[in-house]
PDB file of N, CA and C in Angstrom:
ATOM      1  N   MET A   1     -19.273  -0.424   6.680  1.00  0.00           N
ATOM      2  CA  MET A   1     -17.723  -0.208   6.064  1.00  0.00           C
ATOM      3  C   MET A   1     -16.583   0.344   6.096  1.00  0.00           C
ATOM      4  N   THR A   2     -15.415   0.253   6.387  1.00  0.00           N
ATOM      5  CA  THR A   2     -14.080   1.583   6.765  1.00  0.00           C
ATOM      6  C   THR A   2     -13.217   2.035   5.864  1.00  0.00           C
ATOM      7  N   GLU A   3     -13.209   2.962   4.750  1.00  0.00           N
ATOM      8  CA  GLU A   3     -11.819   2.707   3.585  1.00  0.00           C
ATOM      9  C   GLU A   3     -10.631   3.592   4.215  1.00  0.00           C
ATOM     10  N   VAL A   4      -9.584   3.031   4.160  1.00  0.00           N
ATOM     11  CA  VAL A   4      -8.445   3.682   4.280  1.00  0.00           C
ATOM     12  C   VAL A   4      -7.676   4.560   2.945  1.00  0.00           C
ATOM     13  N   THR A   5      -7.419   5.463   3.578  1.00  0.00           N
ATOM     14  CA  THR A   5      -6.287   6.522   1.974  1.00  0.00           C
ATOM     15  C   THR A   5      -5.174   6.447   2.531  1.00  0.00           C
ATOM     16  N   PHE A   6      -4.385   6.166   1.240  1.00  0.00           N
ATOM     17  CA  PHE A   6      -3.167   6.069   1.428  1.00  0.00           C
ATOM     18  C   PHE A   6      -2.106   7.208   0.440  1.00  0.00           C
ATOM     19  N   ASP A   7      -1.807   7.898   0.370  1.00  0.00           N
ATOM     20  CA  ASP A   7      -0.980   8.877  -0.762  1.00  0.00           C
ATOM     21  C   ASP A   7       0.078   9.674  -0.881  1.00  0.00           C
ATOM     22  N   ILE A   8       0.825   9.638  -1.384  1.00  0.00           N
ATOM     23  CA  ILE A   8       2.186  10.234  -0.915  1.00  0.00           C
ATOM     24  C   ILE A   8       2.637  10.409  -2.209  1.00  0.00           C
ATOM     25  N   ASP A   9       3.608  11.882  -2.167  1.00  0.00           N
ATOM     26  CA  ASP A   9       3.955  12.569  -3.774  1.00  0.00           C
ATOM     27  C   ASP A   9       5.769  12.488  -4.029  1.00  0.00           C
ATOM     28  N   PHE A  10       6.326  11.853  -4.601  1.00  0.00           N
ATOM     29  CA  PHE A  10       7.228  12.221  -4.625  1.00  0.00           C
ATOM     30  C   PHE A  10       7.761  12.119  -5.744  1.00  0.00           C
ATOM     31  N   GLU A  11       9.533  13.168  -6.022  1.00  0.00           N
ATOM     32  CA  GLU A  11       9.465  13.199  -7.661  1.00  0.00           C
ATOM     33  C   GLU A  11      11.317  12.969  -7.742  1.00  0.00           C
ATOM     34  N   ILE A  12      11.766  12.480  -8.436  1.00  0.00           N
ATOM     35  CA  ILE A  12      13.229  12.513  -8.763  1.00  0.00           C
ATOM     36  C   ILE A  12      13.904  13.164 -10.049  1.00  0.00           C
ATOM     37  N   LYS A  13      14.811  13.473  -9.785  1.00  0.00           N
ATOM     38  CA  LYS A  13      15.286  14.525 -10.816  1.00  0.00           C
ATOM     39  C   LYS A  13      15.606  13.845 -11.485  1.00  0.00           C
ATOM     40  N   ASN A  14      16.581  12.466 -12.194  1.00  0.00           N
ATOM     41  CA  ASN A  14      16.719  12.339 -12.335  1.00  0.00           C
ATOM     42  C   ASN A  14      15.282  10.856 -13.019  1.00  0.00           C
ATOM     43  N   LYS A  15      15.863  11.342 -14.510  1.00  0.00           N
ATOM     44  CA  LYS A  15      13.886  10.592 -15.236  1.00  0.00           C
ATOM     45  C   LYS A  15      13.698   9.168 -14.643  1.00  0.00           C
ATOM     46  N   PHE A  16      15.186   8.771 -15.653  1.00  0.00           N
ATOM     47  CA  PHE A  16      15.315   7.010 -15.595  1.00  0.00           C
ATOM     48  C   PHE A  16      15.070   6.317 -13.438  1.00  0.00           C
ATOM     49  N   LEU A  17      15.706   7.272 -12.786  1.00  0.00           N
ATOM     50  CA  LEU A  17      15.455   7.355 -11.180  1.00  0.00           C
ATOM     51  C   LEU A  17      14.128   6.762 -10.607  1.00  0.00           C
ATOM     52  N   ASN A  18      13.360   7.734 -11.285  1.00  0.00           N
ATOM     53  CA  ASN A  18      12.009   8.264 -10.477  1.00  0.00           C
ATOM     54  C   ASN A  18      11.145   6.533 -11.128  1.00  0.00           C
ATOM     55  N   SER A  19      11.502   6.613 -12.850  1.00  0.00           N
ATOM     56  CA  SER A  19      10.532   6.169 -13.153  1.00  0.00           C
ATOM     57  C   SER A  19      11.046   4.945 -12.248  1.00  0.00           C
ATOM     58  N   LEU A  20      12.189   4.369 -11.973  1.00  0.00           N
ATOM     59  CA  LEU A  20      12.162   3.451 -11.420  1.00  0.00           C
ATOM     60  C   LEU A  20      11.537   3.326 -10.004  1.00  0.00           C
ATOM     61  N   MET A  21      11.691   3.774  -9.335  1.00  0.00           N
ATOM     62  CA  MET A  21      11.623   4.302  -7.857  1.00  0.00           C
ATOM     63  C   MET A  21       9.931   4.462  -7.984  1.00  0.00           C
ATOM     64  N   VAL A  22       8.728   5.437  -8.718  1.00  0.00           N
ATOM     65  CA  VAL A  22       7.902   4.720  -9.011  1.00  0.00           C
ATOM     66  C   VAL A  22       6.847   3.266  -9.117  1.00  0.00           C
ATOM     67  N   VAL A  23       8.060   2.441  -9.943  1.00  0.00           N
ATOM     68  CA  VAL A  23       7.485   1.058 -10.187  1.00  0.00           C
ATOM     69  C   VAL A  23       7.393   0.653  -8.906  1.00  0.00           C
ATOM     70  N   SER A  24       8.788   0.691  -8.356  1.00  0.00           N
ATOM     71  CA  SER A  24       9.160  -0.132  -6.969  1.00  0.00           C
ATOM     72  C   SER A  24       8.414   0.274  -5.486  1.00  0.00           C
ATOM     73  N   PHE A  25       7.571   1.842  -6.022  1.00  0.00           N
ATOM     74  CA  PHE A  25       6.958   1.392  -5.158  1.00  0.00           C
ATOM     75  C   PHE A  25       5.913   1.639  -4.392  1.00  0.00           C
ATOM     76  N   GLN A  26       4.849   1.389  -5.792  1.00  0.00           N
ATOM     77  CA  GLN A  26       3.468   1.192  -6.566  1.00  0.00           C
ATOM     78  C   GLN A  26       3.466  -0.275  -5.845  1.00  0.00           C
ATOM     79  N   PHE A  27       4.912  -1.378  -6.208  1.00  0.00           N
ATOM     80  CA  PHE A  27       5.065  -3.255  -5.919  1.00  0.00           C
ATOM     81  C   PHE A  27       4.619  -2.701  -4.163  1.00  0.00           C
ATOM     82  N   GLY A  28       5.334  -2.390  -3.694  1.00  0.00           N
ATOM     83  CA  GLY A  28       6.191  -2.393  -2.502  1.00  0.00           C
ATOM     84  C   GLY A  28       4.738  -1.308  -1.378  1.00  0.00           C
ATOM     85  N   LEU A  29       4.411  -0.545  -1.641  1.00  0.00           N
ATOM     86  CA  LEU A  29       2.489  -0.156  -1.599  1.00  0.00           C
ATOM     87  C   LEU A  29       1.645  -1.063  -1.313  1.00  0.00           C
ATOM     88  N   GLU A  30       1.343  -1.896  -2.760  1.00  0.00           N
ATOM     89  CA  GLU A  30       0.403  -2.630  -2.801  1.00  0.00           C
ATOM     90  C   GLU A  30       0.807  -4.355  -2.087  1.00  0.00           C
ATOM     91  N   LYS A  31       2.326  -4.300  -1.467  1.00  0.00           N
ATOM     92  CA  LYS A  31       2.150  -5.742  -0.762  1.00  0.00           C
ATOM     93  C   LYS A  31       1.544  -5.129   0.665  1.00  0.00           C
ATOM     94  N   ILE A  32       2.297  -3.518   1.136  1.00  0.00           N
ATOM     95  CA  ILE A  32       1.580  -3.561   2.729  1.00  0.00           C
ATOM     96  C   ILE A  32       0.373  -3.047   2.393  1.00  0.00           C
ATOM     97  N   ALA A  33      -0.699  -2.803   1.509  1.00  0.00           N
ATOM     98  CA  ALA A  33      -1.960  -2.903   1.445  1.00  0.00           C
ATOM     99  C   ALA A  33      -2.474  -3.850   1.088  1.00  0.00           C
ATOM    100  N   ASP A  34      -2.079  -4.620   1.103  1.00  0.00           N
ATOM    101  CA  ASP A  34      -2.402  -5.947   0.883  1.00  0.00           C
ATOM    102  C   ASP A  34      -2.358  -6.843   2.644  1.00  0.00           C
ATOM    103  N   ALA A  35      -1.750  -7.003   2.909  1.00  0.00           N
ATOM    104  CA  ALA A  35      -1.484  -7.557   4.066  1.00  0.00           C
ATOM    105  C   ALA A  35      -2.173  -6.570   5.413  1.00  0.00           C
ATOM    106  N   PHE A  36      -2.321  -5.569   5.227  1.00  0.00           N
ATOM    107  CA  PHE A  36      -2.975  -4.513   6.315  1.00  0.00           C
ATOM    108  C   PHE A  36      -4.579  -5.607   5.972  1.00  0.00           C
ATOM    109  N   GLN A  37      -5.061  -5.381   4.614  1.00  0.00           N
ATOM    110  CA  GLN A  37      -6.313  -5.859   4.466  1.00  0.00           C
ATOM    111  C   GLN A  37      -5.796  -7.176   4.598  1.00  0.00           C
ATOM    112  N   LYS A  38      -5.530  -7.848   4.885  1.00  0.00           N
ATOM    113  CA  LYS A  38      -5.496  -9.674   4.965  1.00  0.00           C
ATOM    114  C   LYS A  38      -5.700  -9.431   6.511  1.00  0.00           C
ATOM    115  N   ARG A  39      -4.955  -8.734   7.238  1.00  0.00           N
ATOM    116  CA  ARG A  39      -4.954  -8.625   8.982  1.00  0.00           C
ATOM    117  C   ARG A  39      -6.132  -8.650   9.316  1.00  0.00           C
ATOM    118  N   ALA A  40      -7.039  -6.457   8.640  1.00  0.00           N
ATOM    119  CA  ALA A  40      -7.987  -6.887   8.683  1.00  0.00           C
ATOM    120  C   ALA A  40      -9.556  -7.412   9.053  1.00  0.00           C
ATOM    121  N   GLU A  41      -8.935  -7.953   8.051  1.00  0.00           N
ATOM    122  CA  GLU A  41     -10.650  -9.184   8.162  1.00  0.00           C
ATOM    123  C   GLU A  41     -10.159 -10.468   8.649  1.00  0.00           C
ATOM    124  N   GLU A  42      -8.744 -10.752   9.073  1.00  0.00           N
ATOM    125  CA  GLU A  42      -8.802 -11.528  10.170  1.00  0.00           C
ATOM    126  C   GLU A  42      -9.964 -11.142  11.579  1.00  0.00           C
ATOM    127  N   LEU A  43      -8.789 -10.064  11.773  1.00  0.00           N
ATOM    128  CA  LEU A  43      -9.215  -9.448  13.443  1.00  0.00           C
ATOM    129  C   LEU A  43     -10.751  -9.063  13.619  1.00  0.00           C
ATOM    130  N   PHE A  44     -11.628  -9.161  12.229  1.00  0.00           N
ATOM    131  CA  PHE A  44     -12.770  -8.907  11.959  1.00  0.00           C
ATOM    132  C   PHE A  44     -13.618  -9.981  12.091  1.00  0.00           C
ATOM    133  N   ARG A  45     -13.384 -11.464  11.309  1.00  0.00           N
ATOM    134  CA  ARG A  45     -13.553 -12.381  11.623  1.00  0.00           C
ATOM    135  C   ARG A  45     -13.384 -12.692  12.680  1.00  0.00           C
ATOM    136  N   ASN A  46     -12.604 -12.776  13.472  1.00  0.00           N
ATOM    137  CA  ASN A  46     -12.121 -13.068  14.978  1.00  0.00           C
ATOM    138  C   ASN A  46     -12.678 -13.113  16.343  1.00  0.00           C
ATOM    139  N   SER A  47     -13.659 -11.347  15.216  1.00  0.00           N
ATOM    140  CA  SER A  47     -14.074 -10.380  17.115  1.00  0.00           C
ATOM    141  C   SER A  47     -15.780 -10.719  16.253  1.00  0.00           C
ATOM    142  N   GLN A  48     -16.009 -11.663  15.588  1.00  0.00           N
ATOM    143  CA  GLN A  48     -17.663 -11.893  15.512  1.00  0.00           C
ATOM    144  C   GLN A  48     -17.676 -13.307  15.889  1.00  0.00           C
ATOM    145  N   ASN A  49     -16.727 -14.460  15.757  1.00  0.00           N
ATOM    146  CA  ASN A  49     -16.981 -15.714  16.448  1.00  0.00           C
ATOM    147  C   ASN A  49     -17.641 -15.448  18.225  1.00  0.00           C
TER     148      ASN A  49
END
């Protein structure tokens, strides 16, 4: 089993924009991570055949 970790830390001085960016960035990161996992599973399945 392989585990991949990806961390980014950022802060925007404007509190409202910072809150908005945290939520937006988390959503985008989850979509990227899900796509990465799906592709890795496809490749692994194909290599087993």
